[in-house]
Protein backbone atom coordinates (compact mmCIF):
# COMPACT_ATOMS: atom_id res chain seq x y z
CA MET A 1 70.20 -71.63 -99.56
CA LEU A 2 66.98 -70.48 -97.82
CA ARG A 3 64.45 -68.50 -99.80
CA HIS A 4 62.93 -66.44 -96.97
CA GLU A 5 63.89 -65.69 -93.21
CA ILE A 6 62.23 -67.83 -90.56
CA ARG A 7 59.84 -66.06 -88.51
CA PRO A 8 59.51 -68.42 -85.29
CA GLY A 9 57.06 -65.97 -83.62
CA ARG A 10 54.39 -65.77 -86.40
CA ALA A 11 54.63 -69.32 -86.18
CA VAL A 12 53.69 -69.35 -82.34
CA ALA A 13 50.97 -66.67 -83.10
CA GLY A 14 49.32 -68.80 -85.96
CA ILE A 15 49.45 -72.03 -83.59
CA VAL A 16 47.80 -70.15 -80.83
CA MET A 17 45.14 -68.73 -83.15
CA LEU A 18 44.51 -72.08 -84.78
CA ALA A 19 44.32 -73.76 -81.29
CA LEU A 20 41.67 -70.83 -80.45
CA ALA A 21 39.45 -71.36 -83.59
CA GLY A 22 39.37 -75.11 -82.87
CA ALA A 23 38.52 -74.50 -79.11
CA TYR A 24 36.04 -71.84 -80.28
CA THR A 25 34.58 -74.21 -82.93
CA ALA A 26 34.23 -76.97 -80.10
CA ASP A 27 32.29 -74.66 -78.05
CA ALA A 28 30.00 -73.41 -80.57
CA ALA A 29 29.10 -77.13 -81.52
CA GLY A 30 28.59 -78.45 -78.26
CA ALA A 31 31.61 -80.62 -77.79
CA TRP A 32 33.23 -78.80 -75.27
CA ALA A 33 31.62 -76.07 -72.98
CA VAL A 34 33.97 -73.37 -71.87
CA PRO A 35 33.07 -70.02 -70.43
CA TRP A 36 33.66 -66.99 -72.79
CA VAL A 37 36.04 -65.57 -70.61
CA PHE A 38 38.51 -68.66 -71.09
CA PHE A 39 39.70 -67.09 -74.59
CA PHE A 40 40.96 -63.95 -73.24
CA PRO A 41 43.94 -65.21 -70.95
CA VAL A 42 44.79 -67.85 -73.57
CA PHE A 43 44.92 -65.00 -76.69
CA PHE A 44 46.46 -62.58 -74.78
CA GLY A 45 49.00 -65.34 -73.52
CA GLY A 46 49.66 -66.44 -77.14
CA LEU A 47 50.25 -62.99 -78.20
CA TRP A 48 53.04 -62.24 -75.03
CA LEU A 49 54.71 -65.66 -76.22
CA ALA A 50 54.87 -65.11 -79.61
CA ALA A 51 56.28 -61.69 -79.06
CA THR A 52 58.87 -62.89 -76.52
CA VAL A 53 59.90 -65.70 -79.01
CA THR A 54 60.32 -63.05 -81.60
CA TRP A 55 62.21 -60.90 -79.58
CA VAL A 56 64.64 -63.91 -78.88
CA SER A 57 65.10 -64.63 -82.29
CA TYR A 58 65.57 -61.33 -83.01
CA ARG A 59 68.51 -60.95 -80.10
CA LEU A 60 69.98 -64.65 -81.69
CA ARG A 61 70.34 -63.42 -85.24
CA ARG A 62 71.59 -59.92 -84.12
CA ARG A 63 74.22 -61.72 -82.52
CA ARG A 64 75.01 -64.06 -85.19
CA ASP A 65 75.43 -61.24 -87.73
CA VAL A 66 77.74 -59.26 -85.44
CA ARG A 67 80.03 -62.26 -85.18
CA LYS A 68 79.89 -62.87 -88.91
CA ALA A 69 80.69 -59.34 -89.65
CA SER A 70 83.85 -58.97 -87.22
CA ALA A 71 85.00 -62.40 -88.82
CA GLU A 72 84.61 -61.00 -92.20
CA ASN A 73 86.67 -57.36 -91.00
CA SER A 74 89.35 -59.33 -89.27
CA ALA A 75 91.28 -60.10 -92.70
CA ALA A 76 93.71 -58.07 -94.49
CA PRO A 77 92.49 -55.13 -96.19
CA ALA A 78 92.15 -55.08 -99.55
CA SER A 79 95.14 -53.75 -101.87
CA SER A 80 94.78 -50.38 -103.21
CA SER A 81 96.57 -51.26 -106.41
CA GLY A 82 94.18 -52.74 -108.66
CA SER A 83 92.20 -51.31 -111.68
CA GLN A 84 89.71 -49.63 -109.30
CA ALA A 85 92.40 -47.63 -107.22
CA MET A 86 91.39 -44.28 -106.31
CA ARG A 87 93.47 -41.66 -107.96
């Protein structure tokens, strides 16, 4: 059983931010020379990609939950003659 819900959008955002941090570090150390405007499209593109991945995973999880709920409701209704029957 899973202990927590998997969040792929957050994973994508984290990977993009780590890549940006590495690129910034390489630029600051002089190992890689890139213009400062390089970081903006990568940052916003990464946020857009993370949002898209979050939306897709939400839609897939929602569809799975709807199928699961409809399968549970297709069984015969519970009997009302038990010890917790309404009076």
